[in-house]
Amino acid sequence: MKEPELDTNAMLARFRERAEAVRSRNMPPIGGEERQRFLDQAQVDFMDFAIIGDAEATLEEGILTLRTDLSSSDGG
C-alpha cells in the first residue's frame, strides 16, 4: 500500500487553525488553581501550534524539516 503524500502547506495551515482555536477557546466554568492550570496550558498550546504554524516546511529524501524564525520581529 502506497504511503499518503504529505501536504506540508495543508499541515502548517492546520497548525495555524489549531493556534487560533486555542486563542479563541471559551473558558470552562472552573476556578482557583484549576483555572490557572487551564490558562497556563492554553498559553503553551497556543505557542506550540503557532510556532509550527509559522514554520517553513521542506520534505527531502523522507526527512521533514521545519524552520521557524524565533528572533524578535521588533529587533529586541
N, C-alpha and C. Protein backbone atom coordinates (compact mmCIF):
# COMPACT_ATOMS: atom_id res chain seq x y z
N MET A 1 0.84 -1.18 0.00
CA MET A 1 0.00 0.00 0.00
C MET A 1 0.89 1.25 0.00
N LYS A 2 0.57 2.18 -0.87
CA LYS A 2 1.37 3.39 -1.01
C LYS A 2 1.10 4.34 0.16
N GLU A 3 2.18 4.94 0.66
CA GLU A 3 2.07 5.94 1.74
C GLU A 3 1.37 7.19 1.19
N PRO A 4 0.48 7.79 1.98
CA PRO A 4 -0.15 9.03 1.52
C PRO A 4 0.90 10.13 1.42
N GLU A 5 0.74 10.99 0.43
CA GLU A 5 1.68 12.09 0.23
C GLU A 5 1.41 13.17 1.26
N LEU A 6 2.47 13.69 1.85
CA LEU A 6 2.35 14.73 2.87
C LEU A 6 2.23 16.09 2.20
N ASP A 7 1.15 16.78 2.48
CA ASP A 7 0.95 18.15 2.00
C ASP A 7 1.38 19.08 3.13
N THR A 8 2.63 19.54 3.07
CA THR A 8 3.16 20.35 4.17
C THR A 8 2.43 21.67 4.32
N ASN A 9 1.98 22.27 3.23
CA ASN A 9 1.23 23.52 3.34
C ASN A 9 -0.08 23.31 4.08
N ALA A 10 -0.77 22.22 3.79
CA ALA A 10 -2.02 21.91 4.49
C ALA A 10 -1.75 21.61 5.96
N MET A 11 -0.65 20.90 6.23
CA MET A 11 -0.30 20.59 7.61
C MET A 11 -0.05 21.87 8.41
N LEU A 12 0.72 22.78 7.84
CA LEU A 12 1.01 24.04 8.52
C LEU A 12 -0.26 24.86 8.70
N ALA A 13 -1.15 24.84 7.73
CA ALA A 13 -2.43 25.55 7.85
C ALA A 13 -3.25 24.98 9.01
N ARG A 14 -3.23 23.66 9.18
CA ARG A 14 -3.95 23.05 10.31
C ARG A 14 -3.37 23.50 11.64
N PHE A 15 -2.06 23.64 11.73
CA PHE A 15 -1.46 24.12 12.97
C PHE A 15 -1.84 25.57 13.23
N ARG A 16 -1.92 26.40 12.18
CA ARG A 16 -2.37 27.79 12.36
C ARG A 16 -3.81 27.81 12.85
N GLU A 17 -4.64 26.93 12.29
CA GLU A 17 -6.04 26.84 12.72
C GLU A 17 -6.13 26.40 14.18
N ARG A 18 -5.29 25.46 14.58
CA ARG A 18 -5.29 24.99 15.97
C ARG A 18 -4.86 26.11 16.91
N ALA A 19 -3.87 26.89 16.50
CA ALA A 19 -3.42 28.01 17.34
C ALA A 19 -4.56 29.00 17.53
N GLU A 20 -5.28 29.31 16.46
CA GLU A 20 -6.41 30.24 16.56
C GLU A 20 -7.52 29.64 17.42
N ALA A 21 -7.75 28.35 17.31
CA ALA A 21 -8.78 27.70 18.13
C ALA A 21 -8.44 27.78 19.61
N VAL A 22 -7.16 27.61 19.94
CA VAL A 22 -6.74 27.74 21.34
C VAL A 22 -6.95 29.17 21.81
N ARG A 23 -6.59 30.12 20.97
CA ARG A 23 -6.70 31.53 21.35
C ARG A 23 -8.16 31.93 21.60
N SER A 24 -9.08 31.39 20.82
CA SER A 24 -10.48 31.78 20.94
C SER A 24 -11.31 30.80 21.76
N ARG A 25 -10.66 29.83 22.39
CA ARG A 25 -11.33 28.82 23.20
C ARG A 25 -12.04 29.48 24.39
N ASN A 26 -13.26 29.03 24.64
CA ASN A 26 -14.02 29.54 25.79
C ASN A 26 -13.46 28.96 27.08
N MET A 27 -13.54 29.76 28.14
CA MET A 27 -13.08 29.33 29.45
C MET A 27 -14.15 28.45 30.08
N PRO A 28 -13.80 27.22 30.46
CA PRO A 28 -14.79 26.38 31.14
C PRO A 28 -15.10 26.93 32.53
N PRO A 29 -16.20 26.50 33.12
CA PRO A 29 -16.57 27.02 34.45
C PRO A 29 -15.72 26.40 35.55
N ILE A 30 -14.48 26.87 35.66
CA ILE A 30 -13.56 26.39 36.69
C ILE A 30 -12.97 27.57 37.41
N GLY A 31 -12.42 27.33 38.58
CA GLY A 31 -11.83 28.42 39.34
C GLY A 31 -10.57 27.98 40.05
N GLY A 32 -9.95 28.94 40.71
CA GLY A 32 -8.78 28.67 41.53
C GLY A 32 -7.60 28.12 40.76
N GLU A 33 -6.92 27.14 41.39
CA GLU A 33 -5.71 26.56 40.79
C GLU A 33 -6.01 25.87 39.47
N GLU A 34 -7.18 25.24 39.36
CA GLU A 34 -7.54 24.55 38.12
C GLU A 34 -7.67 25.55 36.97
N ARG A 35 -8.23 26.71 37.27
CA ARG A 35 -8.36 27.77 36.25
C ARG A 35 -6.97 28.21 35.76
N GLN A 36 -6.06 28.41 36.71
CA GLN A 36 -4.72 28.85 36.34
C GLN A 36 -4.00 27.79 35.52
N ARG A 37 -4.16 26.51 35.88
CA ARG A 37 -3.55 25.44 35.09
C ARG A 37 -4.11 25.43 33.67
N PHE A 38 -5.43 25.66 33.54
CA PHE A 38 -6.05 25.71 32.22
C PHE A 38 -5.45 26.85 31.41
N LEU A 39 -5.33 28.03 32.01
CA LEU A 39 -4.78 29.19 31.31
C LEU A 39 -3.32 28.95 30.92
N ASP A 40 -2.54 28.38 31.83
CA ASP A 40 -1.13 28.10 31.54
C ASP A 40 -1.01 27.11 30.39
N GLN A 41 -1.83 26.05 30.40
CA GLN A 41 -1.78 25.05 29.33
C GLN A 41 -2.22 25.65 28.00
N ALA A 42 -3.24 26.52 28.04
CA ALA A 42 -3.70 27.16 26.81
C ALA A 42 -2.59 28.02 26.20
N GLN A 43 -1.83 28.71 27.06
CA GLN A 43 -0.74 29.55 26.56
C GLN A 43 0.34 28.69 25.90
N VAL A 44 0.69 27.57 26.53
CA VAL A 44 1.70 26.67 25.97
C VAL A 44 1.18 26.05 24.67
N ASP A 45 -0.07 25.61 24.66
CA ASP A 45 -0.65 25.03 23.45
C ASP A 45 -0.62 26.03 22.30
N PHE A 46 -1.03 27.27 22.57
CA PHE A 46 -1.03 28.30 21.54
C PHE A 46 0.38 28.50 20.99
N MET A 47 1.35 28.63 21.90
CA MET A 47 2.73 28.87 21.46
C MET A 47 3.23 27.72 20.59
N ASP A 48 2.98 26.48 21.03
CA ASP A 48 3.43 25.32 20.25
C ASP A 48 2.81 25.30 18.86
N PHE A 49 1.49 25.46 18.79
CA PHE A 49 0.81 25.43 17.50
C PHE A 49 1.23 26.60 16.62
N ALA A 50 1.39 27.79 17.22
CA ALA A 50 1.76 28.97 16.44
C ALA A 50 3.18 28.84 15.88
N ILE A 51 4.10 28.32 16.67
CA ILE A 51 5.48 28.15 16.19
C ILE A 51 5.51 27.21 14.99
N ILE A 52 4.83 26.09 15.09
CA ILE A 52 4.82 25.15 13.97
C ILE A 52 4.05 25.74 12.79
N GLY A 53 2.94 26.43 13.07
CA GLY A 53 2.15 27.04 12.00
C GLY A 53 2.91 28.10 11.23
N ASP A 54 3.86 28.77 11.89
CA ASP A 54 4.66 29.81 11.24
C ASP A 54 5.89 29.26 10.52
N ALA A 55 6.11 27.97 10.62
CA ALA A 55 7.32 27.36 10.06
C ALA A 55 7.27 27.29 8.54
N GLU A 56 8.46 27.18 7.97
CA GLU A 56 8.61 26.82 6.56
C GLU A 56 8.98 25.35 6.55
N ALA A 57 8.27 24.56 5.77
CA ALA A 57 8.50 23.12 5.76
C ALA A 57 9.15 22.68 4.46
N THR A 58 10.09 21.77 4.59
CA THR A 58 10.67 21.11 3.42
C THR A 58 10.66 19.61 3.69
N LEU A 59 10.45 18.85 2.63
CA LEU A 59 10.48 17.40 2.71
C LEU A 59 11.45 16.91 1.65
N GLU A 60 12.60 16.45 2.10
CA GLU A 60 13.65 15.99 1.18
C GLU A 60 14.13 14.62 1.61
N GLU A 61 14.06 13.67 0.69
CA GLU A 61 14.52 12.30 0.93
C GLU A 61 13.88 11.70 2.18
N GLY A 62 12.60 11.99 2.38
CA GLY A 62 11.87 11.43 3.50
C GLY A 62 12.08 12.15 4.82
N ILE A 63 12.84 13.24 4.83
CA ILE A 63 13.11 13.99 6.05
C ILE A 63 12.30 15.29 6.02
N LEU A 64 11.40 15.44 6.99
CA LEU A 64 10.62 16.66 7.13
C LEU A 64 11.40 17.62 8.01
N THR A 65 11.65 18.82 7.49
CA THR A 65 12.37 19.85 8.24
C THR A 65 11.46 21.06 8.37
N LEU A 66 11.29 21.53 9.60
CA LEU A 66 10.52 22.74 9.87
C LEU A 66 11.48 23.81 10.34
N ARG A 67 11.44 24.97 9.69
CA ARG A 67 12.29 26.10 10.07
C ARG A 67 11.40 27.25 10.50
N THR A 68 11.64 27.74 11.71
CA THR A 68 10.86 28.85 12.24
C THR A 68 11.82 29.91 12.75
N ASP A 69 11.62 31.14 12.32
CA ASP A 69 12.43 32.26 12.79
C ASP A 69 11.88 32.69 14.14
N LEU A 70 12.63 32.44 15.20
CA LEU A 70 12.21 32.79 16.55
C LEU A 70 12.79 34.12 17.02
N SER A 71 13.51 34.80 16.12
CA SER A 71 14.05 36.10 16.50
C SER A 71 12.90 37.10 16.58
N SER A 72 13.06 38.06 17.43
CA SER A 72 12.03 39.08 17.63
C SER A 72 11.88 39.92 16.38
N SER A 73 10.63 40.15 15.98
CA SER A 73 10.38 40.95 14.77
C SER A 73 10.62 42.43 15.01
N ASP A 74 10.69 42.86 16.29
CA ASP A 74 10.91 44.28 16.57
C ASP A 74 12.38 44.60 16.83
N GLY A 75 13.24 43.59 16.61
CA GLY A 75 14.67 43.82 16.76
C GLY A 75 15.16 43.76 18.18
N GLY A 76 14.29 43.46 19.15
CA GLY A 76 14.74 43.46 20.54
C GLY A 76 14.39 42.32 21.30
